[in-house]
Amino acid sequence: MRKFIVSLVIACSALFALNSCIVSDKKLTEKVQQAIVDDELSKGNRLEVTEFTLDDKDGQYKGVLKGQLNGQPVTYDVKATDDGKEFDVDWELRK
């Protein structure tokens, strides 16, 4: 019985750790998207995001954001890092 309880605790801990990573990636994606939208808004532009993917490669996130900037289709290449407390993001408009 003791082995069963220990196994159950370990399994629950693993699920919790996995779930927290998934939530963290989702939150980072939302923060990065909002940062780009806010930056364009500060420049007097309106960015409507239609698609955004951000993939993790050893703590370095890379992705592509597609949308409409003032009614014109645009694509941004995005790079981000997250240390858990702060995130750093760079993006470049494809030409």
PDB file of N, CA and C in Angstrom:
ATOM      1  N   MET A   1       0.822  -1.193   0.000  1.00  0.00           N
ATOM      2  CA  MET A   1       0.000   0.000   0.000  1.00  0.00           C
ATOM      3  C   MET A   1       0.867   1.258   0.000  1.00  0.00           C
ATOM      4  N   ARG A   2       1.950   1.241   0.745  1.00  0.00           N
ATOM      5  CA  ARG A   2       2.838   2.397   0.833  1.00  0.00           C
ATOM      6  C   ARG A   2       3.450   2.718  -0.540  1.00  0.00           C
ATOM      7  N   LYS A   3       3.853   1.695  -1.290  1.00  0.00           N
ATOM      8  CA  LYS A   3       4.414   1.904  -2.617  1.00  0.00           C
ATOM      9  C   LYS A   3       3.387   2.545  -3.544  1.00  0.00           C
ATOM     10  N   PHE A   4       2.143   2.141  -3.405  1.00  0.00           N
ATOM     11  CA  PHE A   4       1.078   2.704  -4.224  1.00  0.00           C
ATOM     12  C   PHE A   4       0.922   4.195  -3.948  1.00  0.00           C
ATOM     13  N   ILE A   5       0.925   4.583  -2.705  1.00  0.00           N
ATOM     14  CA  ILE A   5       0.761   5.992  -2.335  1.00  0.00           C
ATOM     15  C   ILE A   5       1.948   6.814  -2.824  1.00  0.00           C
ATOM     16  N   VAL A   6       3.149   6.300  -2.644  1.00  0.00           N
ATOM     17  CA  VAL A   6       4.342   7.002  -3.116  1.00  0.00           C
ATOM     18  C   VAL A   6       4.294   7.149  -4.636  1.00  0.00           C
ATOM     19  N   SER A   7       3.900   6.096  -5.337  1.00  0.00           N
ATOM     20  CA  SER A   7       3.787   6.156  -6.794  1.00  0.00           C
ATOM     21  C   SER A   7       2.739   7.177  -7.223  1.00  0.00           C
ATOM     22  N   LEU A   8       1.637   7.225  -6.514  1.00  0.00           N
ATOM     23  CA  LEU A   8       0.574   8.179  -6.817  1.00  0.00           C
ATOM     24  C   LEU A   8       1.059   9.613  -6.615  1.00  0.00           C
ATOM     25  N   VAL A   9       1.783   9.865  -5.547  1.00  0.00           N
ATOM     26  CA  VAL A   9       2.317  11.202  -5.280  1.00  0.00           C
ATOM     27  C   VAL A   9       3.301  11.614  -6.368  1.00  0.00           C
ATOM     28  N   ILE A  10       4.173  10.705  -6.775  1.00  0.00           N
ATOM     29  CA  ILE A  10       5.142  11.005  -7.833  1.00  0.00           C
ATOM     30  C   ILE A  10       4.418  11.289  -9.153  1.00  0.00           C
ATOM     31  N   ALA A  11       3.428  10.494  -9.478  1.00  0.00           N
ATOM     32  CA  ALA A  11       2.669  10.697 -10.716  1.00  0.00           C
ATOM     33  C   ALA A  11       1.951  12.045 -10.710  1.00  0.00           C
ATOM     34  N   CYS A  12       1.355  12.388  -9.588  1.00  0.00           N
ATOM     35  CA  CYS A  12       0.662  13.683  -9.490  1.00  0.00           C
ATOM     36  C   CYS A  12       1.640  14.838  -9.611  1.00  0.00           C
ATOM     37  N   SER A  13       2.807  14.699  -8.994  1.00  0.00           N
ATOM     38  CA  SER A  13       3.836  15.739  -9.090  1.00  0.00           C
ATOM     39  C   SER A  13       4.297  15.927 -10.531  1.00  0.00           C
ATOM     40  N   ALA A  14       4.487  14.836 -11.242  1.00  0.00           N
ATOM     41  CA  ALA A  14       4.903  14.909 -12.642  1.00  0.00           C
ATOM     42  C   ALA A  14       3.840  15.587 -13.495  1.00  0.00           C
ATOM     43  N   LEU A  15       2.577  15.245 -13.274  1.00  0.00           N
ATOM     44  CA  LEU A  15       1.496  15.881 -14.023  1.00  0.00           C
ATOM     45  C   LEU A  15       1.412  17.376 -13.727  1.00  0.00           C
ATOM     46  N   PHE A  16       1.591  17.732 -12.470  1.00  0.00           N
ATOM     47  CA  PHE A  16       1.564  19.144 -12.096  1.00  0.00           C
ATOM     48  C   PHE A  16       2.697  19.903 -12.778  1.00  0.00           C
ATOM     49  N   ALA A  17       3.898  19.333 -12.790  1.00  0.00           N
ATOM     50  CA  ALA A  17       5.051  19.979 -13.428  1.00  0.00           C
ATOM     51  C   ALA A  17       4.820  20.143 -14.928  1.00  0.00           C
ATOM     52  N   LEU A  18       4.303  19.126 -15.569  1.00  0.00           N
ATOM     53  CA  LEU A  18       4.017  19.201 -16.998  1.00  0.00           C
ATOM     54  C   LEU A  18       2.973  20.258 -17.278  1.00  0.00           C
ATOM     55  N   ASN A  19       1.931  20.290 -16.490  1.00  0.00           N
ATOM     56  CA  ASN A  19       0.861  21.258 -16.684  1.00  0.00           C
ATOM     57  C   ASN A  19       1.365  22.681 -16.486  1.00  0.00           C
ATOM     58  N   SER A  20       2.233  22.905 -15.523  1.00  0.00           N
ATOM     59  CA  SER A  20       2.734  24.256 -15.285  1.00  0.00           C
ATOM     60  C   SER A  20       3.584  24.730 -16.450  1.00  0.00           C
ATOM     61  N   CYS A  21       4.308  23.851 -17.124  1.00  0.00           N
ATOM     62  CA  CYS A  21       5.085  24.237 -18.303  1.00  0.00           C
ATOM     63  C   CYS A  21       4.167  24.639 -19.436  1.00  0.00           C
ATOM     64  N   ILE A  22       3.105  23.899 -19.636  1.00  0.00           N
ATOM     65  CA  ILE A  22       2.160  24.201 -20.703  1.00  0.00           C
ATOM     66  C   ILE A  22       1.503  25.555 -20.462  1.00  0.00           C
ATOM     67  N   VAL A  23       1.079  25.814 -19.242  1.00  0.00           N
ATOM     68  CA  VAL A  23       0.456  27.090 -18.912  1.00  0.00           C
ATOM     69  C   VAL A  23       1.461  28.212 -19.105  1.00  0.00           C
ATOM     70  N   SER A  24       2.703  28.003 -18.693  1.00  0.00           N
ATOM     71  CA  SER A  24       3.746  29.008 -18.820  1.00  0.00           C
ATOM     72  C   SER A  24       3.974  29.368 -20.287  1.00  0.00           C
ATOM     73  N   ASP A  25       4.063  28.376 -21.164  1.00  0.00           N
ATOM     74  CA  ASP A  25       4.249  28.634 -22.588  1.00  0.00           C
ATOM     75  C   ASP A  25       3.067  29.400 -23.162  1.00  0.00           C
ATOM     76  N   LYS A  26       1.877  29.059 -22.738  1.00  0.00           N
ATOM     77  CA  LYS A  26       0.682  29.746 -23.220  1.00  0.00           C
ATOM     78  C   LYS A  26       0.682  31.203 -22.762  1.00  0.00           C
ATOM     79  N   LYS A  27       1.035  31.418 -21.501  1.00  0.00           N
ATOM     80  CA  LYS A  27       1.077  32.783 -20.983  1.00  0.00           C
ATOM     81  C   LYS A  27       2.153  33.596 -21.689  1.00  0.00           C
ATOM     82  N   LEU A  28       3.311  32.991 -21.942  1.00  0.00           N
ATOM     83  CA  LEU A  28       4.372  33.692 -22.656  1.00  0.00           C
ATOM     84  C   LEU A  28       3.905  34.081 -24.048  1.00  0.00           C
ATOM     85  N   THR A  29       3.246  33.173 -24.735  1.00  0.00           N
ATOM     86  CA  THR A  29       2.731  33.464 -26.072  1.00  0.00           C
ATOM     87  C   THR A  29       1.780  34.649 -26.033  1.00  0.00           C
ATOM     88  N   GLU A  30       0.890  34.674 -25.040  1.00  0.00           N
ATOM     89  CA  GLU A  30      -0.059  35.781 -24.906  1.00  0.00           C
ATOM     90  C   GLU A  30       0.657  37.098 -24.612  1.00  0.00           C
ATOM     91  N   LYS A  31       1.673  37.057 -23.730  1.00  0.00           N
ATOM     92  CA  LYS A  31       2.423  38.274 -23.389  1.00  0.00           C
ATOM     93  C   LYS A  31       3.182  38.816 -24.596  1.00  0.00           C
ATOM     94  N   VAL A  32       3.817  37.921 -25.350  1.00  0.00           N
ATOM     95  CA  VAL A  32       4.579  38.338 -26.526  1.00  0.00           C
ATOM     96  C   VAL A  32       3.649  38.952 -27.568  1.00  0.00           C
ATOM     97  N   GLN A  33       2.530  38.303 -27.816  1.00  0.00           N
ATOM     98  CA  GLN A  33       1.562  38.823 -28.789  1.00  0.00           C
ATOM     99  C   GLN A  33       1.085  40.200 -28.361  1.00  0.00           C
ATOM    100  N   GLN A  34       0.760  40.360 -27.089  1.00  0.00           N
ATOM    101  CA  GLN A  34       0.264  41.642 -26.602  1.00  0.00           C
ATOM    102  C   GLN A  34       1.339  42.719 -26.702  1.00  0.00           C
ATOM    103  N   ALA A  35       2.596  42.364 -26.456  1.00  0.00           N
ATOM    104  CA  ALA A  35       3.690  43.331 -26.570  1.00  0.00           C
ATOM    105  C   ALA A  35       3.813  43.864 -27.990  1.00  0.00           C
ATOM    106  N   ILE A  36       3.674  42.981 -28.973  1.00  0.00           N
ATOM    107  CA  ILE A  36       3.772  43.400 -30.374  1.00  0.00           C
ATOM    108  C   ILE A  36       2.593  44.282 -30.747  1.00  0.00           C
ATOM    109  N   VAL A  37       1.394  43.883 -30.344  1.00  0.00           N
ATOM    110  CA  VAL A  37       0.195  44.672 -30.631  1.00  0.00           C
ATOM    111  C   VAL A  37       0.309  46.053 -29.973  1.00  0.00           C
ATOM    112  N   ASP A  38       0.746  46.093 -28.710  1.00  0.00           N
ATOM    113  CA  ASP A  38       0.892  47.362 -28.000  1.00  0.00           C
ATOM    114  C   ASP A  38       1.932  48.264 -28.647  1.00  0.00           C
ATOM    115  N   ASP A  39       3.041  47.679 -29.112  1.00  0.00           N
ATOM    116  CA  ASP A  39       4.072  48.477 -29.774  1.00  0.00           C
ATOM    117  C   ASP A  39       3.526  49.116 -31.046  1.00  0.00           C
ATOM    118  N   GLU A  40       2.819  48.351 -31.837  1.00  0.00           N
ATOM    119  CA  GLU A  40       2.239  48.908 -33.061  1.00  0.00           C
ATOM    120  C   GLU A  40       1.202  49.982 -32.732  1.00  0.00           C
ATOM    121  N   LEU A  41       0.431  49.754 -31.677  1.00  0.00           N
ATOM    122  CA  LEU A  41      -0.567  50.742 -31.258  1.00  0.00           C
ATOM    123  C   LEU A  41       0.117  52.043 -30.845  1.00  0.00           C
ATOM    124  N   SER A  42       1.257  51.948 -30.161  1.00  0.00           N
ATOM    125  CA  SER A  42       1.982  53.149 -29.742  1.00  0.00           C
ATOM    126  C   SER A  42       2.518  53.937 -30.933  1.00  0.00           C
ATOM    127  N   LYS A  43       2.661  53.268 -32.080  1.00  0.00           N
ATOM    128  CA  LYS A  43       3.116  53.926 -33.311  1.00  0.00           C
ATOM    129  C   LYS A  43       1.943  54.426 -34.146  1.00  0.00           C
ATOM    130  N   GLY A  44       0.725  54.269 -33.617  1.00  0.00           N
ATOM    131  CA  GLY A  44      -0.456  54.717 -34.337  1.00  0.00           C
ATOM    132  C   GLY A  44      -1.000  53.698 -35.318  1.00  0.00           C
ATOM    133  N   ASN A  45      -0.560  52.468 -35.222  1.00  0.00           N
ATOM    134  CA  ASN A  45      -1.005  51.405 -36.124  1.00  0.00           C
ATOM    135  C   ASN A  45      -1.986  50.486 -35.415  1.00  0.00           C
ATOM    136  N   ARG A  46      -2.773  49.790 -36.206  1.00  0.00           N
ATOM    137  CA  ARG A  46      -3.713  48.800 -35.670  1.00  0.00           C
ATOM    138  C   ARG A  46      -3.322  47.433 -36.203  1.00  0.00           C
ATOM    139  N   LEU A  47      -2.937  46.543 -35.277  1.00  0.00           N
ATOM    140  CA  LEU A  47      -2.538  45.183 -35.657  1.00  0.00           C
ATOM    141  C   LEU A  47      -3.585  44.203 -35.161  1.00  0.00           C
ATOM    142  N   GLU A  48      -4.153  43.455 -36.099  1.00  0.00           N
ATOM    143  CA  GLU A  48      -5.083  42.378 -35.768  1.00  0.00           C
ATOM    144  C   GLU A  48      -4.368  41.060 -36.055  1.00  0.00           C
ATOM    145  N   VAL A  49      -4.148  40.275 -35.010  1.00  0.00           N
ATOM    146  CA  VAL A  49      -3.431  39.014 -35.147  1.00  0.00           C
ATOM    147  C   VAL A  49      -4.398  37.934 -35.631  1.00  0.00           C
ATOM    148  N   THR A  50      -3.991  37.230 -36.687  1.00  0.00           N
ATOM    149  CA  THR A  50      -4.811  36.136 -37.209  1.00  0.00           C
ATOM    150  C   THR A  50      -4.223  34.777 -36.860  1.00  0.00           C
ATOM    151  N   GLU A  51      -2.885  34.736 -36.677  1.00  0.00           N
ATOM    152  CA  GLU A  51      -2.221  33.474 -36.356  1.00  0.00           C
ATOM    153  C   GLU A  51      -0.902  33.778 -35.657  1.00  0.00           C
ATOM    154  N   PHE A  52      -0.611  33.018 -34.606  1.00  0.00           N
ATOM    155  CA  PHE A  52       0.661  33.199 -33.903  1.00  0.00           C
ATOM    156  C   PHE A  52       1.104  31.890 -33.304  1.00  0.00           C
ATOM    157  N   THR A  53       2.306  31.465 -33.676  1.00  0.00           N
ATOM    158  CA  THR A  53       2.893  30.259 -33.109  1.00  0.00           C
ATOM    159  C   THR A  53       4.241  30.633 -32.506  1.00  0.00           C
ATOM    160  N   LEU A  54       4.539  30.045 -31.355  1.00  0.00           N
ATOM    161  CA  LEU A  54       5.791  30.295 -30.662  1.00  0.00           C
ATOM    162  C   LEU A  54       6.279  28.957 -30.131  1.00  0.00           C
ATOM    163  N   ASP A  55       7.409  28.496 -30.632  1.00  0.00           N
ATOM    164  CA  ASP A  55       7.941  27.187 -30.269  1.00  0.00           C
ATOM    165  C   ASP A  55       9.181  27.336 -29.408  1.00  0.00           C
ATOM    166  N   ASP A  56       9.305  26.464 -28.402  1.00  0.00           N
ATOM    167  CA  ASP A  56      10.424  26.482 -27.466  1.00  0.00           C
ATOM    168  C   ASP A  56      11.544  25.579 -27.960  1.00  0.00           C
ATOM    169  N   LYS A  57      12.743  26.124 -28.026  1.00  0.00           N
ATOM    170  CA  LYS A  57      13.949  25.359 -28.353  1.00  0.00           C
ATOM    171  C   LYS A  57      14.977  25.671 -27.281  1.00  0.00           C
ATOM    172  N   ASP A  58      14.992  24.873 -26.208  1.00  0.00           N
ATOM    173  CA  ASP A  58      15.948  25.037 -25.116  1.00  0.00           C
ATOM    174  C   ASP A  58      15.913  26.430 -24.494  1.00  0.00           C
ATOM    175  N   GLY A  59      14.721  26.928 -24.198  1.00  0.00           N
ATOM    176  CA  GLY A  59      14.579  28.230 -23.559  1.00  0.00           C
ATOM    177  C   GLY A  59      14.585  29.399 -24.523  1.00  0.00           C
ATOM    178  N   GLN A  60      14.891  29.147 -25.774  1.00  0.00           N
ATOM    179  CA  GLN A  60      14.839  30.170 -26.816  1.00  0.00           C
ATOM    180  C   GLN A  60      13.579  29.924 -27.634  1.00  0.00           C
ATOM    181  N   TYR A  61      12.708  30.873 -27.639  1.00  0.00           N
ATOM    182  CA  TYR A  61      11.447  30.726 -28.353  1.00  0.00           C
ATOM    183  C   TYR A  61      11.538  31.426 -29.701  1.00  0.00           C
ATOM    184  N   LYS A  62      11.033  30.754 -30.735  1.00  0.00           N
ATOM    185  CA  LYS A  62      10.966  31.339 -32.071  1.00  0.00           C
ATOM    186  C   LYS A  62       9.566  31.116 -32.607  1.00  0.00           C
ATOM    187  N   GLY A  63       9.102  32.083 -33.375  1.00  0.00           N
ATOM    188  CA  GLY A  63       7.766  31.931 -33.912  1.00  0.00           C
ATOM    189  C   GLY A  63       7.481  32.875 -35.060  1.00  0.00           C
ATOM    190  N   VAL A  64       6.248  32.783 -35.518  1.00  0.00           N
ATOM    191  CA  VAL A  64       5.767  33.610 -36.618  1.00  0.00           C
ATOM    192  C   VAL A  64       4.402  34.157 -36.223  1.00  0.00           C
ATOM    193  N   LEU A  65       4.247  35.463 -36.380  1.00  0.00           N
ATOM    194  CA  LEU A  65       2.968  36.118 -36.134  1.00  0.00           C
ATOM    195  C   LEU A  65       2.457  36.656 -37.461  1.00  0.00           C
ATOM    196  N   LYS A  66       1.225  36.300 -37.790  1.00  0.00           N
ATOM    197  CA  LYS A  66       0.596  36.788 -39.018  1.00  0.00           C
ATOM    198  C   LYS A  66      -0.637  37.588 -38.641  1.00  0.00           C
ATOM    199  N   GLY A  67      -0.902  38.619 -39.421  1.00  0.00           N
ATOM    200  CA  GLY A  67      -2.069  39.432 -39.129  1.00  0.00           C
ATOM    201  C   GLY A  67      -2.285  40.506 -40.174  1.00  0.00           C
ATOM    202  N   GLN A  68      -3.080  41.483 -39.766  1.00  0.00           N
ATOM    203  CA  GLN A  68      -3.411  42.622 -40.610  1.00  0.00           C
ATOM    204  C   GLN A  68      -2.936  43.887 -39.903  1.00  0.00           C
ATOM    205  N   LEU A  69      -2.041  44.632 -40.542  1.00  0.00           N
ATOM    206  CA  LEU A  69      -1.547  45.892 -40.006  1.00  0.00           C
ATOM    207  C   LEU A  69      -2.161  47.007 -40.827  1.00  0.00           C
ATOM    208  N   ASN A  70      -3.072  47.731 -40.200  1.00  0.00           N
ATOM    209  CA  ASN A  70      -3.810  48.796 -40.891  1.00  0.00           C
ATOM    210  C   ASN A  70      -4.467  48.279 -42.173  1.00  0.00           C
ATOM    211  N   GLY A  71      -4.971  47.060 -42.096  1.00  0.00           N
ATOM    212  CA  GLY A  71      -5.687  46.469 -43.219  1.00  0.00           C
ATOM    213  C   GLY A  71      -4.815  45.732 -44.226  1.00  0.00           C
ATOM    214  N   GLN A  72      -3.514  45.755 -44.064  1.00  0.00           N
ATOM    215  CA  GLN A  72      -2.604  45.096 -44.994  1.00  0.00           C
ATOM    216  C   GLN A  72      -2.040  43.824 -44.345  1.00  0.00           C
ATOM    217  N   PRO A  73      -1.943  42.719 -45.093  1.00  0.00           N
ATOM    218  CA  PRO A  73      -1.396  41.493 -44.515  1.00  0.00           C
ATOM    219  C   PRO A  73       0.091  41.657 -44.176  1.00  0.00           C
ATOM    220  N   VAL A  74       0.471  41.174 -42.982  1.00  0.00           N
ATOM    221  CA  VAL A  74       1.857  41.248 -42.529  1.00  0.00           C
ATOM    222  C   VAL A  74       2.261  39.945 -41.856  1.00  0.00           C
ATOM    223  N   THR A  75       3.577  39.716 -41.827  1.00  0.00           N
ATOM    224  CA  THR A  75       4.147  38.571 -41.125  1.00  0.00           C
ATOM    225  C   THR A  75       5.362  39.067 -40.354  1.00  0.00           C
ATOM    226  N   TYR A  76       5.437  38.690 -39.084  1.00  0.00           N
ATOM    227  CA  TYR A  76       6.575  39.034 -38.229  1.00  0.00           C
ATOM    228  C   TYR A  76       7.316  37.751 -37.851  1.00  0.00           C
ATOM    229  N   ASP A  77       8.635  37.825 -37.853  1.00  0.00           N
ATOM    230  CA  ASP A  77       9.459  36.760 -37.285  1.00  0.00           C
ATOM    231  C   ASP A  77       9.734  37.172 -35.844  1.00  0.00           C
ATOM    232  N   VAL A  78       9.496  36.253 -34.906  1.00  0.00           N
ATOM    233  CA  VAL A  78       9.556  36.580 -33.483  1.00  0.00           C
ATOM    234  C   VAL A  78      10.572  35.689 -32.779  1.00  0.00           C
ATOM    235  N   LYS A  79      11.363  36.302 -31.889  1.00  0.00           N
ATOM    236  CA  LYS A  79      12.283  35.575 -31.019  1.00  0.00           C
ATOM    237  C   LYS A  79      12.040  36.062 -29.602  1.00  0.00           C
ATOM    238  N   ALA A  80      12.006  35.122 -28.641  1.00  0.00           N
ATOM    239  CA  ALA A  80      11.764  35.499 -27.252  1.00  0.00           C
ATOM    240  C   ALA A  80      12.550  34.600 -26.318  1.00  0.00           C
ATOM    241  N   THR A  81      12.859  35.136 -25.142  1.00  0.00           N
ATOM    242  CA  THR A  81      13.454  34.366 -24.057  1.00  0.00           C
ATOM    243  C   THR A  81      12.647  34.652 -22.802  1.00  0.00           C
ATOM    244  N   ASP A  82      12.598  33.682 -21.919  1.00  0.00           N
ATOM    245  CA  ASP A  82      11.841  33.825 -20.679  1.00  0.00           C
ATOM    246  C   ASP A  82      12.625  33.177 -19.555  1.00  0.00           C
ATOM    247  N   ASP A  83      12.955  33.966 -18.516  1.00  0.00           N
ATOM    248  CA  ASP A  83      13.685  33.408 -17.380  1.00  0.00           C
ATOM    249  C   ASP A  83      12.767  33.103 -16.202  1.00  0.00           C
ATOM    250  N   GLY A  84      11.463  33.213 -16.424  1.00  0.00           N
ATOM    251  CA  GLY A  84      10.497  32.928 -15.372  1.00  0.00           C
ATOM    252  C   GLY A  84       9.970  34.176 -14.691  1.00  0.00           C
ATOM    253  N   LYS A  85      10.783  35.223 -14.632  1.00  0.00           N
ATOM    254  CA  LYS A  85      10.368  36.475 -14.017  1.00  0.00           C
ATOM    255  C   LYS A  85      10.105  37.547 -15.063  1.00  0.00           C
ATOM    256  N   GLU A  86      10.973  37.595 -16.062  1.00  0.00           N
ATOM    257  CA  GLU A  86      10.850  38.574 -17.129  1.00  0.00           C
ATOM    258  C   GLU A  86      10.977  37.865 -18.473  1.00  0.00           C
ATOM    259  N   PHE A  87      10.486  38.528 -19.496  1.00  0.00           N
ATOM    260  CA  PHE A  87      10.691  37.983 -20.830  1.00  0.00           C
ATOM    261  C   PHE A  87      11.255  39.075 -21.727  1.00  0.00           C
ATOM    262  N   ASP A  88      12.027  38.664 -22.707  1.00  0.00           N
ATOM    263  CA  ASP A  88      12.617  39.569 -23.680  1.00  0.00           C
ATOM    264  C   ASP A  88      12.125  39.108 -25.052  1.00  0.00           C
ATOM    265  N   VAL A  89      11.677  40.042 -25.844  1.00  0.00           N
ATOM    266  CA  VAL A  89      11.141  39.675 -27.152  1.00  0.00           C
ATOM    267  C   VAL A  89      11.665  40.620 -28.216  1.00  0.00           C
ATOM    268  N   ASP A  90      12.009  40.063 -29.349  1.00  0.00           N
ATOM    269  CA  ASP A  90      12.404  40.825 -30.542  1.00  0.00           C
ATOM    270  C   ASP A  90      11.563  40.321 -31.695  1.00  0.00           C
ATOM    271  N   TRP A  91      11.179  41.228 -32.542  1.00  0.00           N
ATOM    272  CA  TRP A  91      10.414  40.828 -33.728  1.00  0.00           C
ATOM    273  C   TRP A  91      10.832  41.692 -34.901  1.00  0.00           C
ATOM    274  N   GLU A  92      10.654  41.130 -36.073  1.00  0.00           N
ATOM    275  CA  GLU A  92      11.013  41.830 -37.296  1.00  0.00           C
ATOM    276  C   GLU A  92       9.933  41.604 -38.346  1.00  0.00           C
ATOM    277  N   LEU A  93       9.520  42.669 -38.956  1.00  0.00           N
ATOM    278  CA  LEU A  93       8.514  42.594 -40.010  1.00  0.00           C
ATOM    279  C   LEU A  93       9.162  42.045 -41.274  1.00  0.00           C
ATOM    280  N   ARG A  94       8.575  40.979 -41.823  1.00  0.00           N
ATOM    281  CA  ARG A  94       9.085  40.440 -43.091  1.00  0.00           C
ATOM    282  C   ARG A  94       8.741  41.393 -44.208  1.00  0.00           C
ATOM    283  N   LYS A  95       9.657  41.506 -45.141  1.00  0.00           N
ATOM    284  CA  LYS A  95       9.404  42.408 -46.287  1.00  0.00           C
ATOM    285  C   LYS A  95       9.145  41.628 -47.528  1.00  0.00           C
TER     286      LYS A  95
END
